[in-house]
C-alpha cells in the first residue's frame, strides 16, 4: 500500500510538472508572439527599438566639455561596475554642493514673482553681495576651469548606457550641474548688485553652457534638469533687465541663446528614447533565473528575498515579461501620442491621455493578472514632464522677448505699443504662445513698464496673475514682469 501511495504521488507530481512545463511553454510562445506583433507594428510607424540610436555618439576627450578634469572622474568606473575608480575625486566633486548650505541648500528663483533673488540671511546690499562672493570664492578654480572648457566644441557625459540594470544607471552629473548653476546664479546676481555687469554676463554664459551640455541625453529627467537650470539662468537676466544694466550687445547675445532653446523638440526626443532604455531590463527579466529581486529593485523593496519569493520567481512563465513589455510600451505611447502639435502642446489632450493610461492600472493583483505590474512601477506621469518643459519653453520665449523689448527701449526711449514692432530689427519673429498658438499677451502699464505673459497650462487668461505655487496647473499665467517701480542701483 505504501509503495502504491508513493507511486501515485510521484505520478501526480510528474503530471503537475508536465502541465506546468506545458503552460510555461504556451505562455512563453504567446508572450513572444504578442511582443513580435507589437514591435513590428511600432517599427512600421517609424519607432526604433535599438536604444543605441538614441544615445549620443562618442566624441574625442580633448574636444569634450564633459571630460574636463573636474567632471571626468564621475564616469571613470571600476570595470564591470558603476563604482568610481577615484573616490576621493568624486567626493571633491560632491563637496561643491556644500557651498549652497549657507543659503538654505537650494535657491528659490523669485523672478517668476517679479522679485530679486533672496540671499537668505544676507541683505541685497553691496556688503551682502561681497559676503556672498567671498563665500563662493572657493569655487573659483572649478568655475574658471569650466569656463575654459566651455570652448570645447562638444559635450557628452560618458554615461554607462549599456549597464545591465537600466533603471540603475547613475546620472549623478545632473545634480552636480544643477548645483554649479545655482552657484553661478548667486555669483551673477551678486556681481550685478555691485555693478560688475561683465562678470555677471560671463557667468550667465556658463549657465547656458551647462544647460546645453546635457541636451543630447535621451532621458526625461535630464530635460527636466535643463528646465530647472533655465529658471536659474533667467534670474540674473531678469535682474539685469529690471535694473537696466545690460548693454545692447549683451542683450543680443542672450536673445540668440534663448532662441536656440527648443525644449519641445528635446521633449519629443527624450519621450522617444526613454521607454527603450528599459528594453534591456525586460530582456534581463526574461533571462535571469530569479527575476523578482530585479523588479523589487526598481521599487526599492525586498519583498521577494524569501523562499516563497524565489519559488514564485522560478515558476513565473518568462513569456509574461513579454506581455509586461508590450503593455508598458502601449501605455507609455498612449500617454504621449497626439499631445505635441506642430506649434506647441495641447494640455487638454495631455491630461486626458494620462488619465486614461493610469486609469487602466488597478490593484497589485489586477496589474499582475493583466501583465501591468511593471508598468505600475515604471510608467512615468508624462504630463508633468510635458507641462514643465512647455513652461520652460514659454519662459525662454518670454525672456527673449523681454531682451528684445529692452533693446527697443534703448533705441527709442520707450517700450513699443505692440510686439510686432520688435521684428525684424530686434527679433527675427515674435514667438507665439506654445499652449494656444496665439500671440503672447502684452500690454504697457501706467508706470512705464509692461506685462508680458502666456495663459499657461490652464489655457485661461488670468490677466498676468502668477500662481503662488509654480507647480499649480489649474491657476495662474506664466508671466514676465518687473516691479511697479523700476529698480535702480
Protein backbone atom coordinates (compact mmCIF):
# COMPACT_ATOMS: atom_id res chain seq x y z
CA UNK A 1 0.00 0.00 0.00
CA UNK A 2 2.78 2.38 0.93
CA UNK A 3 4.51 1.74 -2.40
CA UNK A 4 1.27 2.45 -4.29
CA UNK A 5 0.83 5.70 -2.34
CA UNK A 6 4.30 6.95 -3.21
CA UNK A 7 3.93 5.78 -6.81
CA UNK A 8 0.65 7.67 -7.12
CA UNK A 9 2.18 10.75 -5.52
CA UNK A 10 5.14 10.66 -7.88
CA UNK A 11 2.84 10.29 -10.88
CA UNK A 12 0.77 13.22 -9.64
CA UNK A 13 3.85 15.38 -9.20
CA UNK A 14 5.13 14.35 -12.62
CA UNK A 15 1.77 15.25 -14.11
CA UNK A 16 1.74 18.62 -12.37
CA UNK A 17 5.28 19.37 -13.51
CA UNK A 18 4.38 18.37 -17.06
CA UNK A 19 1.31 20.61 -17.01
CA UNK A 20 3.37 23.47 -15.58
CA UNK A 21 6.03 22.99 -18.26
CA UNK A 22 3.38 22.90 -20.98
CA UNK A 23 1.70 26.00 -19.53
CA UNK A 24 5.01 27.86 -19.37
CA UNK A 25 5.85 26.87 -22.94
CA UNK A 26 2.44 28.05 -24.13
CA UNK A 27 2.68 31.35 -22.22
CA UNK A 28 6.24 31.90 -23.44
CA UNK A 29 5.09 31.36 -27.02
CA UNK A 30 2.08 33.66 -26.61
CA UNK A 31 4.16 36.34 -24.96
CA UNK A 32 6.86 36.29 -27.61
CA UNK A 33 4.22 36.33 -30.34
CA UNK A 34 2.47 39.35 -28.77
CA UNK A 35 5.78 41.22 -28.44
CA UNK A 36 6.87 40.48 -32.02
CA UNK A 37 3.49 41.68 -33.29
CA UNK A 38 3.61 44.90 -31.25
CA UNK A 39 7.22 45.59 -32.18
CA UNK A 40 6.54 45.09 -35.89
CA UNK A 41 3.59 47.48 -35.78
CA UNK A 42 5.62 50.11 -33.91
CA UNK A 43 8.57 49.81 -36.28
CA UNK A 44 6.21 50.22 -39.24
CA UNK A 45 5.27 53.60 -37.74
CA UNK A 46 8.93 54.63 -37.57
CA UNK A 47 9.80 53.64 -33.99
CA UNK A 48 13.19 52.06 -33.31
CA UNK A 49 13.81 49.57 -30.53
CA UNK A 50 17.59 49.94 -30.78
CA UNK A 51 18.40 52.14 -27.80
CA UNK A 52 21.85 52.80 -29.27
CA UNK A 53 20.16 55.02 -31.86
CA UNK A 54 19.05 57.38 -29.08
CA UNK A 55 22.47 57.52 -27.41
CA UNK A 56 24.65 60.50 -28.37
CA UNK A 57 27.76 59.35 -30.29
CA UNK A 58 31.17 59.38 -28.57
CA UNK A 59 33.39 62.43 -29.04
CA UNK A 60 37.17 62.90 -28.58
CA UNK A 61 38.10 63.56 -24.96
CA UNK A 62 40.14 66.66 -25.77
CA UNK A 63 37.11 68.19 -27.53
CA UNK A 64 34.60 67.14 -24.87
CA UNK A 65 33.44 69.64 -22.25
CA UNK A 66 32.29 66.73 -20.07
CA UNK A 67 35.84 65.34 -19.93
CA UNK A 68 37.36 68.37 -18.27
CA UNK A 69 39.35 67.26 -15.16
CA UNK A 70 36.54 68.31 -12.82
CA UNK A 71 33.89 66.11 -14.46
CA UNK A 72 35.99 63.22 -15.81
CA UNK A 73 36.15 61.11 -12.58
CA UNK A 74 32.35 60.88 -12.38
CA UNK A 75 32.10 58.20 -15.06
CA UNK A 76 35.54 56.59 -14.77
CA UNK A 77 34.32 53.31 -13.30
CA UNK A 78 35.97 50.20 -11.96
CA UNK A 79 35.45 47.66 -14.81
CA UNK A 80 32.18 45.78 -14.56
CA UNK A 81 30.67 48.20 -12.05
CA UNK A 82 29.37 51.70 -11.57
CA UNK A 83 31.84 52.38 -8.78
CA UNK A 84 34.24 55.27 -9.48
CA UNK A 85 37.95 54.49 -9.56
CA UNK A 86 38.89 57.74 -7.83
CA UNK A 87 36.50 58.02 -4.90
CA UNK A 88 38.42 60.99 -3.48
CA UNK A 89 37.90 62.96 -6.67
CA UNK A 90 34.18 62.17 -6.65
CA UNK A 91 33.94 63.32 -3.03
CA UNK A 92 35.61 66.61 -4.02
CA UNK A 93 33.04 67.00 -6.80
CA UNK A 94 30.18 66.30 -4.41
CA UNK A 95 31.56 68.87 -1.94
CA UNK A 96 30.67 71.68 -4.36
CA UNK A 97 27.06 71.47 -3.21
CA UNK A 98 28.14 72.31 0.34
CA UNK A 99 28.70 75.90 -0.79
CA UNK A 100 24.93 76.30 -1.06
CA UNK A 101 24.23 75.31 2.56
CA UNK A 102 24.57 78.83 3.99
CA UNK A 103 21.86 79.86 1.54
CA UNK A 104 19.43 77.13 2.53
CA UNK A 105 20.81 74.37 0.30
CA UNK A 106 18.59 75.35 -2.63
CA UNK A 107 17.96 78.66 -4.32
CA UNK A 108 14.37 79.73 -4.93
CA UNK A 109 14.14 81.75 -8.14
CA UNK A 110 11.97 84.81 -7.48
CA UNK A 111 11.92 86.46 -10.90
CA UNK A 112 8.77 84.43 -11.61
CA UNK A 113 7.05 86.57 -8.96
CA UNK A 114 8.71 89.76 -10.17
CA UNK A 115 11.20 89.90 -7.27
CA UNK A 116 15.01 89.97 -6.93
CA UNK A 117 16.80 86.89 -5.61
CA UNK A 118 16.78 86.40 -1.86
CA UNK A 119 20.28 85.94 -0.36
CA UNK A 120 18.86 84.05 2.63
CA UNK A 121 20.18 85.78 5.76
CA UNK A 122 22.19 88.34 3.76
CA UNK A 123 20.65 91.61 2.61
CA UNK A 124 20.70 92.60 -1.06
CA UNK A 125 23.26 95.32 -0.43
CA UNK A 126 26.81 95.83 -1.61
CA UNK A 127 28.05 94.43 1.70
CA UNK A 128 25.79 91.39 1.37
CA UNK A 129 26.90 90.80 -2.21
CA UNK A 130 30.56 90.97 -1.17
CA UNK A 131 29.92 88.39 1.53
CA UNK A 132 28.25 86.07 -0.99
CA UNK A 133 31.20 86.36 -3.36
CA UNK A 134 33.61 85.70 -0.52
CA UNK A 135 31.76 82.53 0.49
CA UNK A 136 31.72 81.33 -3.13
CA UNK A 137 35.36 82.14 -3.83
CA UNK A 138 36.41 78.57 -3.07
CA UNK A 139 34.55 77.52 -6.24
CA UNK A 140 36.51 79.94 -8.45
CA UNK A 141 39.11 77.36 -9.63
CA UNK A 142 36.35 74.95 -10.72
CA UNK A 143 34.30 77.65 -12.43
CA UNK A 144 37.37 79.01 -14.19
CA UNK A 145 38.22 75.50 -15.40
CA UNK A 146 34.68 75.05 -16.73
CA UNK A 147 34.75 78.46 -18.37
CA UNK A 148 37.92 77.46 -20.25
CA UNK A 149 36.46 74.04 -21.10
CA UNK A 150 33.29 75.65 -22.50
CA UNK A 151 35.34 76.50 -25.61
CA UNK A 152 35.41 72.78 -26.47
CA UNK A 153 33.01 72.09 -29.34
CA UNK A 154 31.22 69.02 -27.89
CA UNK A 155 29.75 67.78 -24.64
CA UNK A 156 28.92 64.16 -23.89
CA UNK A 157 28.96 62.67 -20.42
CA UNK A 158 30.14 59.06 -20.66
CA UNK A 159 27.10 57.53 -19.01
CA UNK A 160 27.12 53.75 -18.72
CA UNK A 161 24.30 53.34 -21.25
CA UNK A 162 24.95 49.60 -21.51
CA UNK A 163 24.55 48.86 -17.79
CA UNK A 164 22.59 45.60 -17.41
CA UNK A 165 20.14 47.03 -14.86
CA UNK A 166 18.97 50.05 -16.83
CA UNK A 167 16.82 51.56 -14.03
CA UNK A 168 20.04 51.76 -12.01
CA UNK A 169 22.14 53.77 -14.50
CA UNK A 170 23.79 56.52 -12.48
CA UNK A 171 23.22 60.12 -13.54
CA UNK A 172 24.99 61.86 -10.68
CA UNK A 173 26.25 64.57 -13.02
CA UNK A 174 22.76 66.07 -13.23
CA UNK A 175 22.79 67.07 -9.56
CA UNK A 176 26.32 68.44 -9.84
CA UNK A 177 25.43 70.58 -12.88
CA UNK A 178 22.34 71.88 -11.09
CA UNK A 179 24.44 72.87 -8.07
CA UNK A 180 27.04 74.59 -10.24
CA UNK A 181 24.27 76.53 -11.94
CA UNK A 182 22.88 77.66 -8.57
CA UNK A 183 26.36 78.84 -7.52
CA UNK A 184 26.71 80.80 -10.76
CA UNK A 185 23.24 82.27 -10.24
CA UNK A 186 24.22 83.54 -6.79
CA UNK A 187 27.50 84.89 -8.09
CA UNK A 188 25.96 86.61 -11.11
CA UNK A 189 23.26 88.30 -9.01
CA UNK A 190 25.90 89.44 -6.52
CA UNK A 191 28.02 90.85 -9.34
CA UNK A 192 25.01 92.73 -10.67
CA UNK A 193 24.40 94.20 -7.21
CA UNK A 194 27.98 95.51 -7.29
CA UNK A 195 27.63 96.79 -10.87
CA UNK A 196 30.03 94.18 -12.27
CA UNK A 197 27.95 93.55 -15.35
CA UNK A 198 30.69 91.92 -17.43
CA UNK A 199 31.36 89.30 -14.76
CA UNK A 200 27.64 88.56 -14.45
CA UNK A 201 27.36 88.27 -18.23
CA UNK A 202 30.19 85.72 -18.29
CA UNK A 203 28.54 83.68 -15.52
CA UNK A 204 25.20 83.65 -17.34
CA UNK A 205 27.01 82.41 -20.45
CA UNK A 206 28.46 79.49 -18.47
CA UNK A 207 24.99 78.70 -17.11
CA UNK A 208 23.72 78.43 -20.68
CA UNK A 209 26.63 76.14 -21.49
CA UNK A 210 25.92 73.87 -18.51
CA UNK A 211 22.27 73.69 -19.56
CA UNK A 212 23.20 72.69 -23.10
CA UNK A 213 25.98 70.29 -22.08
CA UNK A 214 23.38 67.59 -21.38
CA UNK A 215 20.91 68.47 -24.14
CA UNK A 216 21.50 65.32 -26.23
CA UNK A 217 20.81 62.84 -23.40
CA UNK A 218 17.73 60.66 -24.09
CA UNK A 219 16.28 60.88 -20.58
CA UNK A 220 13.21 62.80 -19.42
CA UNK A 221 14.88 63.63 -16.10
CA UNK A 222 17.76 65.26 -17.98
CA UNK A 223 15.40 67.59 -19.83
CA UNK A 224 13.68 68.47 -16.55
CA UNK A 225 17.06 69.37 -15.03
CA UNK A 226 17.72 71.58 -18.06
CA UNK A 227 14.39 73.30 -17.48
CA UNK A 228 15.35 73.89 -13.83
CA UNK A 229 18.69 75.36 -14.89
CA UNK A 230 16.94 77.68 -17.33
CA UNK A 231 14.82 79.06 -14.49
CA UNK A 232 18.04 79.75 -12.56
CA UNK A 233 19.68 81.31 -15.60
CA UNK A 234 16.80 83.70 -16.10
CA UNK A 235 17.15 85.15 -12.58
CA UNK A 236 20.27 87.25 -13.31
CA UNK A 237 18.99 88.05 -16.81
CA UNK A 238 15.74 89.33 -15.30
CA UNK A 239 17.52 91.32 -12.59
CA UNK A 240 19.85 92.96 -15.10
CA UNK A 241 16.83 93.91 -17.21
CA UNK A 242 14.87 95.21 -14.22
CA UNK A 243 17.85 97.41 -13.26
CA UNK A 244 18.56 98.49 -16.88
CA UNK A 245 22.11 97.12 -16.60
CA UNK A 246 22.64 95.05 -19.76
CA UNK A 247 24.15 96.54 -22.90
CA UNK A 248 22.62 96.08 -26.34
CA UNK A 249 25.38 93.65 -27.26
CA UNK A 250 24.82 91.55 -24.15
CA UNK A 251 21.06 91.52 -24.72
CA UNK A 252 21.55 90.44 -28.33
CA UNK A 253 23.68 87.51 -27.12
CA UNK A 254 21.05 86.48 -24.56
CA UNK A 255 18.39 86.64 -27.27
CA UNK A 256 20.47 84.42 -29.55
CA UNK A 257 20.97 81.79 -26.85
CA UNK A 258 17.36 81.86 -25.70
CA UNK A 259 16.03 81.49 -29.24
CA UNK A 260 18.30 78.48 -29.78
CA UNK A 261 16.49 76.60 -26.99
CA UNK A 262 13.82 74.17 -28.15
CA UNK A 263 12.54 72.29 -25.13
CA UNK A 264 9.57 70.88 -27.01
CA UNK A 265 11.78 69.24 -29.64
CA UNK A 266 14.10 67.96 -26.89
CA UNK A 267 10.99 66.67 -25.11
CA UNK A 268 9.99 64.67 -28.20
CA UNK A 269 13.47 63.12 -28.48
CA UNK A 270 13.52 62.20 -24.80
CA UNK A 271 9.99 60.81 -24.95
CA UNK A 272 11.01 58.60 -27.86
CA UNK A 273 14.22 57.37 -26.22
CA UNK A 274 13.15 56.90 -22.60
CA UNK A 275 10.98 53.76 -22.98
CA UNK A 276 13.65 51.93 -24.97
CA UNK A 277 16.08 52.39 -22.13
CA UNK A 278 14.10 49.66 -20.37
CA UNK A 279 14.04 47.14 -23.22
CA UNK A 280 17.30 45.65 -21.96
CA UNK A 281 15.76 45.48 -18.48
CA UNK A 282 12.84 43.41 -19.77
CA UNK A 283 15.31 41.17 -21.61
CA UNK A 284 17.20 40.64 -18.34
CA UNK A 285 13.97 39.70 -16.57
CA UNK A 286 13.32 37.02 -19.18
CA UNK A 287 16.82 35.55 -18.95
CA UNK A 288 17.52 35.62 -15.21
CA UNK A 289 16.63 32.52 -13.14
CA UNK A 290 15.02 34.68 -10.44
CA UNK A 291 13.51 37.94 -11.78
CA UNK A 292 11.58 39.16 -8.73
CA UNK A 293 14.57 40.75 -6.93
CA UNK A 294 15.20 42.82 -10.06
CA UNK A 295 11.59 44.01 -10.05
CA UNK A 296 11.76 44.83 -6.37
CA UNK A 297 14.98 46.73 -7.05
CA UNK A 298 13.00 49.27 -9.08
CA UNK A 299 10.57 49.88 -6.27
CA UNK A 300 13.30 49.84 -3.59
CA UNK A 301 11.69 46.88 -1.85
CA UNK A 302 12.92 43.45 -0.76
CA UNK A 303 9.66 41.51 -0.50
CA UNK A 304 10.85 38.77 -2.84
CA UNK A 305 14.00 37.94 -0.89
CA UNK A 306 12.31 34.92 0.71
CA UNK A 307 11.99 31.24 -0.15
CA UNK A 308 8.46 31.75 -1.46
CA UNK A 309 9.56 34.82 -3.40
CA UNK A 310 12.32 32.86 -5.12
CA UNK A 311 9.96 29.95 -5.77
CA UNK A 312 7.37 32.23 -7.38
CA UNK A 313 10.12 33.81 -9.47
CA UNK A 314 11.16 30.40 -10.76
CA UNK A 315 7.60 29.33 -11.60
CA UNK A 316 6.58 32.52 -13.45
CA UNK A 317 6.47 31.98 -17.23
CA UNK A 318 9.11 34.19 -18.85
CA UNK A 319 6.58 34.95 -21.57
CA UNK A 320 4.72 37.10 -19.06
CA UNK A 321 7.55 39.61 -19.25
CA UNK A 322 6.90 39.94 -22.97
CA UNK A 323 3.29 40.83 -22.10
CA UNK A 324 4.59 43.26 -19.47
CA UNK A 325 6.85 44.90 -22.05
CA UNK A 326 4.03 45.21 -24.57
CA UNK A 327 1.76 46.87 -22.01
CA UNK A 328 4.49 49.20 -20.78
CA UNK A 329 5.17 50.49 -24.29
CA UNK A 330 1.47 50.63 -25.13
CA UNK A 331 0.53 52.65 -22.04
CA UNK A 332 3.56 54.89 -22.47
CA UNK A 333 2.67 55.60 -26.11
CA UNK A 334 -0.98 56.21 -25.26
CA UNK A 335 0.12 58.98 -22.89
CA UNK A 336 2.38 60.79 -25.32
CA UNK A 337 0.67 60.32 -28.70
CA UNK A 338 -1.06 63.37 -30.21
CA UNK A 339 -0.08 65.64 -27.30
CA UNK A 340 2.57 67.55 -29.24
CA UNK A 341 1.37 69.66 -32.13
CA UNK A 342 3.49 71.34 -34.84
CA UNK A 343 3.06 74.63 -32.97
CA UNK A 344 3.26 73.53 -29.34
CA UNK A 345 1.45 71.33 -26.86
CA UNK A 346 -2.20 70.68 -26.03
CA UNK A 347 -2.75 70.45 -22.25
CA UNK A 348 -6.28 69.07 -22.58
CA UNK A 349 -5.14 66.14 -24.70
CA UNK A 350 -2.18 65.54 -22.37
CA UNK A 351 -4.40 65.38 -19.27
CA UNK A 352 -6.94 63.11 -20.97
CA UNK A 353 -4.27 60.73 -22.27
CA UNK A 354 -2.57 60.46 -18.90
CA UNK A 355 -5.83 59.89 -17.03
CA UNK A 356 -6.85 57.13 -19.45
CA UNK A 357 -3.49 55.37 -19.24
CA UNK A 358 -3.30 55.43 -15.44
CA UNK A 359 -6.98 54.54 -15.04
CA UNK A 360 -6.17 51.19 -16.64
CA UNK A 361 -3.87 50.37 -13.75
CA UNK A 362 -5.55 48.98 -10.63
CA UNK A 363 -4.57 46.98 -7.58
CA UNK A 364 -1.38 44.93 -7.44
CA UNK A 365 -3.42 41.75 -8.03
CA UNK A 366 -5.20 43.34 -11.00
CA UNK A 367 -1.95 44.53 -12.56
CA UNK A 368 -0.29 41.16 -12.01
CA UNK A 369 -3.12 39.29 -13.74
CA UNK A 370 -3.24 41.81 -16.60
CA UNK A 371 0.55 41.92 -17.00
CA UNK A 372 0.78 45.60 -15.99
CA UNK A 373 2.71 45.21 -12.75
CA UNK A 374 5.96 46.66 -14.11
CA UNK A 375 4.05 49.47 -15.82
CA UNK A 376 2.70 50.34 -12.39
CA UNK A 377 6.29 50.92 -11.25
CA UNK A 378 7.98 52.31 -14.36
CA UNK A 379 5.25 54.28 -16.10
CA UNK A 380 6.03 57.97 -15.62
CA UNK A 381 3.49 60.72 -15.25
CA UNK A 382 4.34 62.13 -18.66
CA UNK A 383 2.03 65.12 -18.34
CA UNK A 384 4.17 66.52 -15.53
CA UNK A 385 7.22 66.37 -17.80
CA UNK A 386 5.35 67.93 -20.70
CA UNK A 387 3.94 70.70 -18.54
CA UNK A 388 7.33 71.59 -17.09
CA UNK A 389 9.03 71.59 -20.48
CA UNK A 390 6.19 73.63 -22.03
CA UNK A 391 6.64 76.13 -19.21
CA UNK A 392 10.41 76.16 -19.77
CA UNK A 393 9.97 76.89 -23.46
CA UNK A 394 7.50 79.62 -22.57
CA UNK A 395 10.00 81.13 -20.12
CA UNK A 396 12.69 81.09 -22.81
CA UNK A 397 10.30 82.79 -25.25
CA UNK A 398 9.22 85.40 -22.70
CA UNK A 399 12.83 86.15 -21.80
CA UNK A 400 13.88 86.53 -25.44
CA UNK A 401 11.01 88.97 -25.99
CA UNK A 402 11.96 90.76 -22.76
CA UNK A 403 15.52 91.22 -24.03
CA UNK A 404 14.22 92.47 -27.40
CA UNK A 405 11.90 94.92 -25.64
CA UNK A 406 14.81 96.35 -23.67
CA UNK A 407 16.86 96.70 -26.86
CA UNK A 408 13.92 98.56 -28.41
CA UNK A 409 13.75 100.85 -25.36
CA UNK A 410 17.47 101.59 -25.57
CA UNK A 411 16.95 102.81 -29.14
CA UNK A 412 13.56 104.52 -28.86
CA UNK A 413 13.45 105.57 -25.22
CA UNK A 414 10.24 103.64 -24.51
CA UNK A 415 8.66 100.25 -24.99
CA UNK A 416 6.57 99.64 -28.13
CA UNK A 417 2.78 99.63 -28.18
CA UNK A 418 2.75 96.13 -29.74
CA UNK A 419 5.20 93.22 -30.02
CA UNK A 420 5.11 93.34 -33.83
CA UNK A 421 7.42 96.36 -33.63
CA UNK A 422 10.27 94.09 -32.47
CA UNK A 423 10.60 92.23 -35.79
CA UNK A 424 12.84 92.14 -37.69
CA UNK A 425 15.26 94.58 -36.03
CA UNK A 426 15.32 93.00 -32.56
CA UNK A 427 13.81 89.58 -33.22
CA UNK A 428 13.58 87.59 -36.46
CA UNK A 429 10.00 86.78 -35.45
CA UNK A 430 7.98 87.19 -32.28
CA UNK A 431 7.36 83.75 -30.69
CA UNK A 432 3.78 82.67 -30.10
CA UNK A 433 2.20 81.07 -27.06
CA UNK A 434 3.17 77.37 -27.13
CA UNK A 435 -0.10 76.49 -25.37
CA UNK A 436 -2.63 78.25 -27.60
CA UNK A 437 -0.56 79.11 -30.70
CA UNK A 438 -1.90 82.64 -30.25
CA UNK A 439 0.20 85.81 -29.79
CA UNK A 440 1.69 86.25 -26.34
CA UNK A 441 -0.27 88.64 -24.14
CA UNK A 442 1.38 92.04 -23.93
CA UNK A 443 0.36 95.44 -22.66
CA UNK A 444 2.01 98.58 -21.38
CA UNK A 445 1.41 99.54 -17.76
CA UNK A 446 0.87 103.00 -16.36
CA UNK A 447 4.28 103.09 -14.68
CA UNK A 448 6.20 102.92 -17.95
CA UNK A 449 6.74 99.17 -17.72
CA UNK A 450 4.97 96.30 -19.45
CA UNK A 451 3.28 93.00 -18.70
CA UNK A 452 4.13 90.01 -20.92
CA UNK A 453 2.63 86.57 -20.36
CA UNK A 454 1.33 83.25 -21.63
CA UNK A 455 -2.05 81.95 -20.48
CA UNK A 456 -0.25 78.90 -19.06
CA UNK A 457 -1.31 75.27 -18.66
CA UNK A 458 -4.94 76.05 -17.77
CA UNK A 459 -5.37 77.89 -21.11
CA UNK A 460 -7.20 80.65 -19.22
CA UNK A 461 -6.25 84.33 -19.34
CA UNK A 462 -5.69 85.22 -15.67
CA UNK A 463 -4.59 88.73 -16.66
CA UNK A 464 -0.94 88.00 -15.92
CA UNK A 465 -1.52 86.85 -12.34
CA UNK A 466 1.01 84.15 -11.45
CA UNK A 467 0.06 81.15 -9.32
CA UNK A 468 1.65 81.12 -5.88
CA UNK A 469 2.80 77.55 -6.47
CA UNK A 470 4.76 77.16 -9.72
CA UNK A 471 3.60 73.53 -9.90
CA UNK A 472 -0.07 74.59 -9.81
CA UNK A 473 -1.54 73.54 -13.14
CA UNK A 474 -5.05 74.88 -12.61
CA UNK A 475 -4.38 78.53 -11.76
CA UNK A 476 -2.22 81.39 -12.94
CA UNK A 477 -0.38 82.56 -16.05
CA UNK A 478 3.30 82.26 -16.95
CA UNK A 479 4.48 85.86 -16.87
CA UNK A 480 7.47 88.15 -17.35
CA UNK A 481 7.06 91.38 -15.42
CA UNK A 482 9.09 93.88 -13.45
CA UNK A 483 8.34 95.67 -10.17
CA UNK A 484 5.96 98.63 -10.43
CA UNK A 485 8.87 100.99 -9.80
CA UNK A 486 11.96 100.25 -11.94
CA UNK A 487 14.83 99.03 -9.78
CA UNK A 488 17.90 101.23 -9.68
CA UNK A 489 21.38 100.83 -8.31
